[in-house]
Amino acid sequence: MSSPQPQNSPSPDSAALPESTPSASESVPKRVAAILALVTFSIFFAAAMPAPIRAAWAHFALAWQLRDEPVPAFPAKLSDHEIEEIAEMAPQDQAERLLERAINHYDGALDLIAKYIDNWYGQIEMQSKFSSLLTTALNSNDLRVRAAALELELAGYNLPKRPESADNLMERIRTEPSAKPWALWMLGVLANRGVEPRKGFNTLMDHRHDPEEQTRYWAIEGLATIGTDETIHPLLEAFRSDASPLVRERAACGLAQSGMLTREQRLRAVPELLRMTDDQTLDATTRGWVFQALRDITGTNMGTDANAWRTWWSQNHHKLEARN
C-alpha cells in the first residue's frame, strides 16, 4: 500500500511576515556568500586535517555510500555486440556468460538461455566455474533465475526433459545407493520443469523417512525444488519432526528461502510455523529456526516473542496476502 501524501500547506500571507524578513532578492547574495564561506572553510579544514583523520573521513564517506540506494553503473541489458559475441562462443562459454548475466538481471539473458538450452545438452560440463554460478543462481531472489539454473543443471548432467530421464533416475535410486542423494535431487529438478511431476513427488515422499540421513536430506531438497502447494506440508512435517538437525534445517530453508516455492506459497506456511513456536517438544535450536523462518518469509522481525508474532500476523496477514 502506498503511504498517504501530506496535505499541501497554504503559503503564508506575505503581509503576515515580520517586517525584518528580507525579500527574496535581498537574501540571495547573503545565501551565496554563506555557501562560499562554507566551501572555503571545508577546503582549509580538509587541508589542515592530519592524514589519519582524512583517512578516517574517507572510510566514513565510503561506508555511507554503501548505505545508499543502488546506483546502476550502466544499463543491465545485453548489447547487440555482446549478443553477437555470445553467438560465436563454445557452448560452455555461452552457458557461463549467460548465466552470469542472468544472475545480474541483464535484460535478454534469460531469453537467450531459453534459445540455446537445447543445444547445450551433452556439450557443457559441471566445471568449477559453472558449478559455482549454478549455486549462486539457485540462491537468487528471482525465481526466473532459479528456474534457468534448473534448466542448466539438466543440460549439464545431460538429462533431457523426457519421461525416460525420470525413469532412469528412479532406477538408480533403487539400485545405486551411492547415487541416491543426487538422483533424488535431480528427480525434483525434472518434476519442477514439468517432467513426470507426480512420479517425482511420490518417489521423494517415499524417501522422507529413509534411515539414511543424506537420503532424507535430499528428498526434502527435492520436494522444495518441486515447489508445488502439496510440498508445503511434508516440509513442515520434516521441520518439526525429523530426527536429524541437518534435515530439519534443510526443511526450514526450503520453506523460508531456498527451493522453488513462491512468496505466496511460503506465506501459507506461517500459521503452522506460529503453532510451532508453542511446541515445547522442539529443542532451542529448532525453535530458533522457526523464528528465523518467520522473519525470512514475512520480511519483518518480532524477535522470539511468540505472542507478538501472532498479534502481528493477525493484523497484517491480509495485507501480505493481497500483495501476492
Foldseek 3Di string as FASTA:
>chain_A
DDDDDDDDDDDDDPVPDDPPDDDPVVCVVVVVVVVVVVVVVVVVVLVPDDPVVNVVVVVVVVVVVVVDDDDDPDALADDPVVVVVLVPDFLQVNLLVLLVSVLVVYPPSLVVLVVCLVVLAVRYACDPSLVVSLVSQQQRPDLSSVLSSLSVVCSNVNQDLEQVSLVVLVVCCVPPVVCNLVSLQNLLSSLLVPRPVVVSLVVLVVQCPPPDPSNNQSSLNSLLQSQDLVSLVVLLCQLQDPPDPSSNLSSLCSLQGGHNHDLLSSLVCLVVLLVVLPDPVDDPVSNVSSQVSVCRSPVDHPDSDSVVVVVVCVVPVVVVNVVD
